Amino acid sequence: MKTLSDFLNALANFESGGKYKAFNKYGYAGKYQMGEMALVDAGYYVKPNRKYNNDWTGKFTGKDNVHSIQDFLNNPYAQENAQLIYKRKQWKYLKAVGAHNYIGKTINGIVITPSGLLAGAHLKGAGSVIKYLKSNGQIAEKDGFGTSVETYIKNFAGFDVTRLTK
C-alpha cells in the first residue's frame, strides 16, 4: 500500500511541484499551497477579522520560528509540521460532516477512501467534499484553477493515512 509519505509527496507535487518556496497568484504558500485558514488551523497564524483572503495581513504566532509568510516559505520543517497538523484537523472536519460514512462506497467509478477525502478537503474544504458525496458526484466544486474535488478524491485514493485519521 502507498504510505503517508507517498500521499504527502504526491499532494505536494500536484500542488507546487514539491517546491517549499512556491507562492501562487491566489496567495497560497509553500510546498502544500496552504492559505490563511489552513495556517490558522495549524496554529501558525491569527487573523482577527476572520476574513480569509490570503492577503497575509494577520499575525504569525512564532510557532516553529515562523514570524512572517517569508519565514514560512523558508522553513521546510514548519511546512511539513503544519501540513500534518492541518490534515488531522481536516479529518475531524470530515468526520463532523459525516464524510467518513462514505468510505468504501463507489461514486462515479471512484472508491471513496480516507486519503481521497483528505485530498478533496485540501482542495476545497470538508463542506465541498460532503456536497460531492451527498449529491452522488453530481456537485463537484472546483478551485480557481478549475480542478474539481472529484479529481482530488480520485487521484489521491488508496494511500495509508491512518496516522492522520486515528
N, C-alpha and C. Protein backbone atom coordinates (compact mmCIF):
# COMPACT_ATOMS: atom_id res chain seq x y z
N MET A 1 0.85 -1.20 0.00
CA MET A 1 0.00 0.00 0.00
C MET A 1 0.88 1.25 0.00
N LYS A 2 0.36 2.29 -0.60
CA LYS A 2 1.06 3.57 -0.64
C LYS A 2 1.01 4.21 0.75
N THR A 3 2.13 4.75 1.19
CA THR A 3 2.29 5.25 2.55
C THR A 3 1.83 6.70 2.71
N LEU A 4 1.81 7.15 3.96
CA LEU A 4 1.52 8.55 4.26
C LEU A 4 2.55 9.45 3.58
N SER A 5 3.79 9.06 3.63
CA SER A 5 4.85 9.83 2.97
C SER A 5 4.59 9.93 1.47
N ASP A 6 4.15 8.83 0.87
CA ASP A 6 3.80 8.83 -0.56
C ASP A 6 2.64 9.81 -0.82
N PHE A 7 1.64 9.80 0.08
CA PHE A 7 0.50 10.70 -0.04
C PHE A 7 0.95 12.16 -0.01
N LEU A 8 1.75 12.50 0.99
CA LEU A 8 2.20 13.88 1.14
C LEU A 8 3.06 14.31 -0.05
N ASN A 9 3.93 13.43 -0.52
CA ASN A 9 4.75 13.76 -1.68
C ASN A 9 3.90 13.95 -2.93
N ALA A 10 2.92 13.09 -3.13
CA ALA A 10 2.04 13.22 -4.29
C ALA A 10 1.24 14.52 -4.22
N LEU A 11 0.71 14.83 -3.04
CA LEU A 11 -0.05 16.07 -2.86
C LEU A 11 0.84 17.28 -3.12
N ALA A 12 2.04 17.28 -2.56
CA ALA A 12 2.97 18.39 -2.76
C ALA A 12 3.35 18.56 -4.23
N ASN A 13 3.57 17.46 -4.90
CA ASN A 13 3.93 17.55 -6.32
C ASN A 13 2.79 18.12 -7.14
N PHE A 14 1.56 17.74 -6.81
CA PHE A 14 0.40 18.26 -7.52
C PHE A 14 0.19 19.74 -7.22
N GLU A 15 0.40 20.12 -5.95
CA GLU A 15 0.15 21.49 -5.51
C GLU A 15 1.21 22.48 -5.99
N SER A 16 2.49 22.12 -5.85
CA SER A 16 3.56 23.10 -6.08
C SER A 16 4.76 22.55 -6.83
N GLY A 17 4.66 21.31 -7.30
CA GLY A 17 5.85 20.69 -7.86
C GLY A 17 6.85 20.33 -6.77
N GLY A 18 6.37 20.30 -5.51
CA GLY A 18 7.23 19.96 -4.38
C GLY A 18 8.14 21.08 -3.93
N LYS A 19 7.82 22.30 -4.30
CA LYS A 19 8.69 23.45 -4.00
C LYS A 19 8.24 24.18 -2.73
N TYR A 20 9.10 24.21 -1.75
CA TYR A 20 8.79 24.87 -0.49
C TYR A 20 8.54 26.37 -0.65
N LYS A 21 9.18 27.01 -1.59
CA LYS A 21 9.07 28.47 -1.72
C LYS A 21 7.98 28.90 -2.71
N ALA A 22 7.16 27.95 -3.16
CA ALA A 22 6.09 28.27 -4.11
C ALA A 22 5.08 29.22 -3.48
N PHE A 23 4.59 30.15 -4.28
CA PHE A 23 3.57 31.12 -3.84
C PHE A 23 2.73 31.44 -5.07
N ASN A 24 1.43 31.07 -5.05
CA ASN A 24 0.64 31.24 -6.28
C ASN A 24 -0.12 32.56 -6.30
N LYS A 25 -0.78 32.81 -7.41
CA LYS A 25 -1.45 34.09 -7.62
C LYS A 25 -2.63 34.31 -6.67
N TYR A 26 -3.11 33.25 -6.03
CA TYR A 26 -4.21 33.38 -5.07
C TYR A 26 -3.70 33.51 -3.64
N GLY A 27 -2.39 33.60 -3.46
CA GLY A 27 -1.80 33.79 -2.14
C GLY A 27 -1.57 32.51 -1.35
N TYR A 28 -1.69 31.36 -1.99
CA TYR A 28 -1.42 30.10 -1.30
C TYR A 28 0.09 29.88 -1.29
N ALA A 29 0.59 29.37 -0.15
CA ALA A 29 2.02 29.39 0.10
C ALA A 29 2.61 28.02 0.38
N GLY A 30 3.82 27.82 -0.15
CA GLY A 30 4.63 26.68 0.21
C GLY A 30 4.37 25.42 -0.57
N LYS A 31 5.03 24.38 -0.12
CA LYS A 31 5.01 23.08 -0.78
C LYS A 31 3.59 22.53 -0.94
N TYR A 32 2.74 22.80 0.06
CA TYR A 32 1.37 22.27 0.04
C TYR A 32 0.34 23.34 -0.32
N GLN A 33 0.80 24.54 -0.66
CA GLN A 33 -0.08 25.64 -1.04
C GLN A 33 -1.14 25.88 0.03
N MET A 34 -0.67 26.21 1.21
CA MET A 34 -1.56 26.47 2.34
C MET A 34 -1.98 27.93 2.36
N GLY A 35 -3.23 28.15 2.72
CA GLY A 35 -3.76 29.50 2.84
C GLY A 35 -3.87 29.92 4.29
N GLU A 36 -4.41 31.12 4.47
CA GLU A 36 -4.54 31.66 5.83
C GLU A 36 -5.35 30.73 6.74
N MET A 37 -6.49 30.25 6.26
CA MET A 37 -7.32 29.39 7.11
C MET A 37 -6.57 28.13 7.54
N ALA A 38 -5.82 27.54 6.63
CA ALA A 38 -5.06 26.33 6.95
C ALA A 38 -4.02 26.62 8.02
N LEU A 39 -3.34 27.75 7.89
CA LEU A 39 -2.31 28.07 8.88
C LEU A 39 -2.91 28.50 10.21
N VAL A 40 -4.11 29.05 10.21
CA VAL A 40 -4.82 29.29 11.47
C VAL A 40 -5.11 27.94 12.13
N ASP A 41 -5.66 27.00 11.38
CA ASP A 41 -5.97 25.67 11.91
C ASP A 41 -4.73 24.96 12.45
N ALA A 42 -3.58 25.19 11.81
CA ALA A 42 -2.34 24.53 12.22
C ALA A 42 -1.63 25.27 13.36
N GLY A 43 -2.16 26.45 13.74
CA GLY A 43 -1.60 27.19 14.87
C GLY A 43 -0.45 28.12 14.54
N TYR A 44 -0.27 28.45 13.28
CA TYR A 44 0.84 29.31 12.86
C TYR A 44 0.45 30.75 12.62
N TYR A 45 -0.86 31.03 12.59
CA TYR A 45 -1.31 32.32 12.10
C TYR A 45 -2.62 32.70 12.79
N VAL A 46 -2.82 34.00 12.97
CA VAL A 46 -4.05 34.51 13.57
C VAL A 46 -4.55 35.64 12.66
N LYS A 47 -5.82 35.59 12.36
CA LYS A 47 -6.44 36.65 11.55
C LYS A 47 -7.67 37.12 12.30
N PRO A 48 -7.53 38.19 13.10
CA PRO A 48 -8.64 38.63 13.96
C PRO A 48 -9.96 38.88 13.26
N ASN A 49 -9.95 39.45 12.05
CA ASN A 49 -11.23 39.75 11.38
C ASN A 49 -11.84 38.54 10.70
N ARG A 50 -11.14 37.42 10.69
CA ARG A 50 -11.62 36.16 10.12
C ARG A 50 -12.05 36.29 8.66
N LYS A 51 -11.54 37.29 7.99
CA LYS A 51 -11.78 37.43 6.54
C LYS A 51 -10.57 36.81 5.85
N TYR A 52 -10.71 35.54 5.50
CA TYR A 52 -9.60 34.79 4.94
C TYR A 52 -9.52 34.98 3.43
N ASN A 53 -8.57 35.80 3.00
CA ASN A 53 -8.40 36.08 1.58
C ASN A 53 -6.94 35.93 1.14
N ASN A 54 -6.13 35.37 2.02
CA ASN A 54 -4.71 35.14 1.74
C ASN A 54 -3.95 36.42 1.42
N ASP A 55 -4.31 37.51 2.10
CA ASP A 55 -3.53 38.74 1.93
C ASP A 55 -2.41 38.81 2.98
N TRP A 56 -2.43 37.86 3.93
CA TRP A 56 -1.38 37.71 4.95
C TRP A 56 -1.17 38.97 5.78
N THR A 57 -2.30 39.65 6.12
CA THR A 57 -2.22 40.85 6.95
C THR A 57 -2.44 40.54 8.43
N GLY A 58 -2.67 39.27 8.76
CA GLY A 58 -2.80 38.87 10.16
C GLY A 58 -1.43 38.76 10.82
N LYS A 59 -1.38 38.03 11.92
CA LYS A 59 -0.11 37.88 12.65
C LYS A 59 0.28 36.41 12.71
N PHE A 60 1.55 36.15 12.54
CA PHE A 60 2.08 34.81 12.74
C PHE A 60 2.35 34.61 14.22
N THR A 61 2.18 33.39 14.69
CA THR A 61 2.28 33.10 16.12
C THR A 61 3.71 32.86 16.60
N GLY A 62 4.63 32.65 15.70
CA GLY A 62 6.01 32.34 16.08
C GLY A 62 6.27 30.85 16.21
N LYS A 63 5.23 30.04 16.03
CA LYS A 63 5.39 28.58 16.10
C LYS A 63 6.46 28.14 15.10
N ASP A 64 7.35 27.26 15.54
CA ASP A 64 8.46 26.77 14.72
C ASP A 64 9.27 27.92 14.13
N ASN A 65 9.33 29.02 14.86
CA ASN A 65 10.11 30.21 14.47
C ASN A 65 9.60 30.85 13.17
N VAL A 66 8.28 30.76 12.95
CA VAL A 66 7.67 31.39 11.78
C VAL A 66 6.98 32.67 12.24
N HIS A 67 7.53 33.81 11.78
CA HIS A 67 7.01 35.13 12.16
C HIS A 67 6.48 35.92 10.96
N SER A 68 6.58 35.33 9.77
CA SER A 68 6.11 36.00 8.55
C SER A 68 5.87 34.95 7.48
N ILE A 69 5.21 35.36 6.41
CA ILE A 69 4.99 34.43 5.30
C ILE A 69 6.33 34.02 4.70
N GLN A 70 7.29 34.94 4.69
CA GLN A 70 8.62 34.62 4.17
C GLN A 70 9.30 33.56 5.04
N ASP A 71 9.16 33.69 6.37
CA ASP A 71 9.71 32.66 7.28
C ASP A 71 9.09 31.30 6.97
N PHE A 72 7.78 31.29 6.73
CA PHE A 72 7.11 30.03 6.42
C PHE A 72 7.66 29.42 5.14
N LEU A 73 7.81 30.24 4.11
CA LEU A 73 8.31 29.74 2.83
C LEU A 73 9.75 29.22 2.95
N ASN A 74 10.50 29.75 3.87
CA ASN A 74 11.91 29.37 4.05
C ASN A 74 12.11 28.27 5.09
N ASN A 75 11.02 27.69 5.61
CA ASN A 75 11.13 26.74 6.71
C ASN A 75 10.45 25.41 6.35
N PRO A 76 11.19 24.49 5.73
CA PRO A 76 10.60 23.20 5.36
C PRO A 76 10.03 22.44 6.56
N TYR A 77 10.70 22.48 7.71
CA TYR A 77 10.19 21.77 8.88
C TYR A 77 8.80 22.30 9.24
N ALA A 78 8.65 23.61 9.28
CA ALA A 78 7.36 24.21 9.64
C ALA A 78 6.28 23.81 8.64
N GLN A 79 6.62 23.78 7.36
CA GLN A 79 5.63 23.41 6.35
C GLN A 79 5.17 21.97 6.52
N GLU A 80 6.11 21.07 6.77
CA GLU A 80 5.74 19.66 6.97
C GLU A 80 4.91 19.50 8.24
N ASN A 81 5.32 20.16 9.31
CA ASN A 81 4.59 20.08 10.58
C ASN A 81 3.19 20.67 10.43
N ALA A 82 3.10 21.84 9.79
CA ALA A 82 1.80 22.49 9.58
C ALA A 82 0.87 21.59 8.78
N GLN A 83 1.40 20.92 7.78
CA GLN A 83 0.56 20.06 6.95
C GLN A 83 0.01 18.88 7.74
N LEU A 84 0.84 18.26 8.57
CA LEU A 84 0.37 17.13 9.39
C LEU A 84 -0.71 17.58 10.38
N ILE A 85 -0.48 18.70 11.03
CA ILE A 85 -1.46 19.24 11.99
C ILE A 85 -2.77 19.55 11.26
N TYR A 86 -2.65 20.20 10.11
CA TYR A 86 -3.82 20.59 9.33
C TYR A 86 -4.60 19.38 8.83
N LYS A 87 -3.90 18.37 8.37
CA LYS A 87 -4.60 17.17 7.89
C LYS A 87 -5.36 16.49 9.02
N ARG A 88 -4.80 16.44 10.21
CA ARG A 88 -5.52 15.85 11.35
C ARG A 88 -6.78 16.67 11.66
N LYS A 89 -6.67 17.98 11.57
CA LYS A 89 -7.83 18.84 11.81
C LYS A 89 -8.86 18.65 10.70
N GLN A 90 -8.40 18.55 9.45
CA GLN A 90 -9.33 18.32 8.34
C GLN A 90 -10.09 17.01 8.53
N TRP A 91 -9.41 15.99 9.05
CA TRP A 91 -10.09 14.72 9.28
C TRP A 91 -11.23 14.91 10.29
N LYS A 92 -10.99 15.71 11.30
CA LYS A 92 -12.06 16.00 12.28
C LYS A 92 -13.22 16.71 11.61
N TYR A 93 -12.93 17.64 10.72
CA TYR A 93 -13.99 18.34 9.98
C TYR A 93 -14.76 17.37 9.09
N LEU A 94 -14.04 16.49 8.41
CA LEU A 94 -14.69 15.50 7.54
C LEU A 94 -15.60 14.58 8.34
N LYS A 95 -15.14 14.16 9.51
CA LYS A 95 -15.98 13.31 10.37
C LYS A 95 -17.20 14.09 10.86
N ALA A 96 -17.00 15.35 11.20
CA ALA A 96 -18.10 16.17 11.71
C ALA A 96 -19.23 16.31 10.69
N VAL A 97 -18.89 16.33 9.40
CA VAL A 97 -19.93 16.45 8.37
C VAL A 97 -20.39 15.09 7.86
N GLY A 98 -19.81 14.01 8.38
CA GLY A 98 -20.26 12.66 8.02
C GLY A 98 -19.60 12.07 6.78
N ALA A 99 -18.54 12.68 6.30
CA ALA A 99 -17.89 12.18 5.08
C ALA A 99 -17.31 10.78 5.27
N HIS A 100 -16.86 10.48 6.46
CA HIS A 100 -16.27 9.15 6.73
C HIS A 100 -17.27 8.02 6.50
N ASN A 101 -18.55 8.31 6.56
CA ASN A 101 -19.58 7.29 6.35
C ASN A 101 -19.64 6.82 4.89
N TYR A 102 -18.97 7.51 4.00
CA TYR A 102 -18.97 7.15 2.58
C TYR A 102 -17.77 6.28 2.19
N ILE A 103 -16.86 6.04 3.12
CA ILE A 103 -15.67 5.24 2.82
C ILE A 103 -16.10 3.85 2.34
N GLY A 104 -15.52 3.43 1.22
CA GLY A 104 -15.85 2.13 0.63
C GLY A 104 -16.94 2.19 -0.41
N LYS A 105 -17.72 3.26 -0.41
CA LYS A 105 -18.75 3.43 -1.44
C LYS A 105 -18.08 3.84 -2.76
N THR A 106 -18.77 3.61 -3.85
CA THR A 106 -18.26 4.00 -5.17
C THR A 106 -19.15 5.08 -5.76
N ILE A 107 -18.53 6.18 -6.15
CA ILE A 107 -19.23 7.31 -6.77
C ILE A 107 -18.52 7.64 -8.08
N ASN A 108 -19.27 7.64 -9.17
CA ASN A 108 -18.70 7.91 -10.50
C ASN A 108 -17.49 7.02 -10.78
N GLY A 109 -17.57 5.77 -10.33
CA GLY A 109 -16.49 4.82 -10.56
C GLY A 109 -15.30 4.97 -9.64
N ILE A 110 -15.40 5.84 -8.64
CA ILE A 110 -14.30 6.11 -7.72
C ILE A 110 -14.63 5.52 -6.35
N VAL A 111 -13.78 4.66 -5.85
CA VAL A 111 -13.96 4.12 -4.50
C VAL A 111 -13.50 5.20 -3.51
N ILE A 112 -14.37 5.54 -2.59
CA ILE A 112 -14.09 6.59 -1.62
C ILE A 112 -13.17 6.03 -0.53
N THR A 113 -12.05 6.70 -0.32
CA THR A 113 -11.06 6.29 0.68
C THR A 113 -10.74 7.47 1.59
N PRO A 114 -10.18 7.19 2.77
CA PRO A 114 -9.80 8.30 3.66
C PRO A 114 -8.82 9.28 3.00
N SER A 115 -7.84 8.77 2.28
CA SER A 115 -6.87 9.67 1.65
C SER A 115 -7.52 10.52 0.56
N GLY A 116 -8.46 9.96 -0.16
CA GLY A 116 -9.19 10.72 -1.16
C GLY A 116 -10.00 11.83 -0.52
N LEU A 117 -10.63 11.52 0.60
CA LEU A 117 -11.42 12.53 1.32
C LEU A 117 -10.52 13.66 1.81
N LEU A 118 -9.37 13.30 2.37
CA LEU A 118 -8.44 14.33 2.86
C LEU A 118 -7.95 15.21 1.72
N ALA A 119 -7.67 14.60 0.58
CA ALA A 119 -7.20 15.39 -0.56
C ALA A 119 -8.30 16.32 -1.07
N GLY A 120 -9.53 15.81 -1.14
CA GLY A 120 -10.64 16.66 -1.55
C GLY A 120 -10.82 17.84 -0.61
N ALA A 121 -10.67 17.57 0.69
CA ALA A 121 -10.77 18.65 1.68
C ALA A 121 -9.61 19.62 1.55
N HIS A 122 -8.45 19.13 1.18
CA HIS A 122 -7.30 20.02 0.96
C HIS A 122 -7.62 21.02 -0.15
N LEU A 123 -8.27 20.55 -1.19
CA LEU A 123 -8.58 21.41 -2.33
C LEU A 123 -9.66 22.43 -2.02
N LYS A 124 -10.79 21.98 -1.45
CA LYS A 124 -11.96 22.87 -1.31
C LYS A 124 -12.65 22.82 0.05
N GLY A 125 -12.11 22.06 1.01
CA GLY A 125 -12.72 22.00 2.33
C GLY A 125 -13.70 20.86 2.49
N ALA A 126 -13.97 20.55 3.74
CA ALA A 126 -14.88 19.44 4.07
C ALA A 126 -16.29 19.69 3.54
N GLY A 127 -16.73 20.94 3.53
CA GLY A 127 -18.08 21.25 3.03
C GLY A 127 -18.26 20.87 1.57
N SER A 128 -17.26 21.14 0.76
CA SER A 128 -17.33 20.77 -0.66
C SER A 128 -17.28 19.26 -0.84
N VAL A 129 -16.51 18.59 0.02
CA VAL A 129 -16.42 17.13 -0.06
C VAL A 129 -17.78 16.51 0.25
N ILE A 130 -18.43 16.96 1.31
CA ILE A 130 -19.72 16.35 1.68
C ILE A 130 -20.78 16.68 0.62
N LYS A 131 -20.71 17.85 0.01
CA LYS A 131 -21.65 18.16 -1.09
C LYS A 131 -21.46 17.16 -2.23
N TYR A 132 -20.22 16.88 -2.56
CA TYR A 132 -19.92 15.91 -3.61
C TYR A 132 -20.48 14.53 -3.24
N LEU A 133 -20.23 14.10 -2.02
CA LEU A 133 -20.68 12.78 -1.58
C LEU A 133 -22.20 12.69 -1.53
N LYS A 134 -22.84 13.66 -0.92
CA LYS A 134 -24.30 13.64 -0.78
C LYS A 134 -25.01 13.75 -2.12
N SER A 135 -24.39 14.40 -3.09
CA SER A 135 -25.00 14.56 -4.41
C SER A 135 -24.66 13.37 -5.32
N ASN A 136 -24.02 12.36 -4.76
CA ASN A 136 -23.59 11.19 -5.52
C ASN A 136 -22.73 11.60 -6.73
N GLY A 137 -21.85 12.59 -6.48
CA GLY A 137 -20.92 13.02 -7.52
C GLY A 137 -21.45 14.03 -8.50
N GLN A 138 -22.67 14.52 -8.29
CA GLN A 138 -23.25 15.50 -9.23
C GLN A 138 -22.72 16.91 -8.98
N ILE A 139 -22.34 17.22 -7.73
CA ILE A 139 -21.79 18.53 -7.40
C ILE A 139 -20.32 18.34 -7.06
N ALA A 140 -19.45 18.80 -7.96
CA ALA A 140 -18.01 18.68 -7.76
C ALA A 140 -17.40 20.06 -7.91
N GLU A 141 -17.34 20.78 -6.80
CA GLU A 141 -16.83 22.15 -6.84
C GLU A 141 -15.37 22.17 -7.29
N LYS A 142 -14.97 23.32 -7.87
CA LYS A 142 -13.63 23.48 -8.43
C LYS A 142 -12.90 24.63 -7.76
N ASP A 143 -11.57 24.54 -7.78
CA ASP A 143 -10.76 25.63 -7.26
C ASP A 143 -10.57 26.69 -8.36
N GLY A 144 -9.80 27.71 -8.07
CA GLY A 144 -9.59 28.80 -9.02
C GLY A 144 -8.91 28.39 -10.31
N PHE A 145 -8.23 27.24 -10.30
CA PHE A 145 -7.56 26.76 -11.50
C PHE A 145 -8.42 25.77 -12.28
N GLY A 146 -9.64 25.49 -11.78
CA GLY A 146 -10.56 24.59 -12.48
C GLY A 146 -10.44 23.13 -12.09
N THR A 147 -9.69 22.82 -11.04
CA THR A 147 -9.53 21.44 -10.57
C THR A 147 -10.69 21.11 -9.65
N SER A 148 -11.32 19.96 -9.86
CA SER A 148 -12.51 19.60 -9.07
C SER A 148 -12.16 18.74 -7.86
N VAL A 149 -13.05 18.80 -6.89
CA VAL A 149 -12.96 17.94 -5.71
C VAL A 149 -12.90 16.48 -6.15
N GLU A 150 -13.68 16.12 -7.15
CA GLU A 150 -13.68 14.75 -7.63
C GLU A 150 -12.29 14.33 -8.13
N THR A 151 -11.61 15.22 -8.81
CA THR A 151 -10.26 14.91 -9.29
C THR A 151 -9.34 14.54 -8.13
N TYR A 152 -9.41 15.30 -7.05
CA TYR A 152 -8.56 15.02 -5.89
C TYR A 152 -8.98 13.73 -5.19
N ILE A 153 -10.28 13.54 -5.04
CA ILE A 153 -10.76 12.31 -4.39
C ILE A 153 -10.29 11.09 -5.17
N LYS A 154 -10.30 11.18 -6.49
CA LYS A 154 -9.87 10.08 -7.35
C LYS A 154 -8.35 9.91 -7.34
N ASN A 155 -7.63 10.99 -7.59
CA ASN A 155 -6.18 10.91 -7.75
C ASN A 155 -5.43 10.55 -6.47
N PHE A 156 -6.04 10.82 -5.34
CA PHE A 156 -5.35 10.57 -4.07
C PHE A 156 -5.99 9.44 -3.26
N ALA A 157 -6.74 8.59 -3.93
CA ALA A 157 -7.35 7.44 -3.26
C ALA A 157 -6.30 6.36 -3.00
N GLY A 158 -6.50 5.62 -1.92
CA GLY A 158 -5.72 4.41 -1.69
C GLY A 158 -4.40 4.55 -0.97
N PHE A 159 -4.14 5.69 -0.38
CA PHE A 159 -2.94 5.86 0.44
C PHE A 159 -3.26 5.51 1.89
N ASP A 160 -2.30 5.00 2.61
CA ASP A 160 -2.50 4.68 4.02
C ASP A 160 -2.26 5.95 4.85
N VAL A 161 -3.35 6.56 5.28
CA VAL A 161 -3.26 7.80 6.07
C VAL A 161 -3.75 7.59 7.50
N THR A 162 -3.68 6.34 7.98
CA THR A 162 -4.22 6.05 9.32
C THR A 162 -3.56 6.87 10.41
N ARG A 163 -2.32 7.31 10.22
CA ARG A 163 -1.68 8.17 11.21
C ARG A 163 -2.40 9.51 11.36
N LEU A 164 -3.14 9.89 10.36
CA LEU A 164 -3.87 11.16 10.39
C LEU A 164 -5.33 11.00 10.81
N THR A 165 -5.85 9.79 10.74
CA THR A 165 -7.29 9.58 10.93
C THR A 165 -7.64 8.84 12.21
N LYS A 166 -6.67 8.59 13.09
CA LYS A 166 -6.97 7.87 14.33
C LYS A 166 -7.61 8.79 15.34
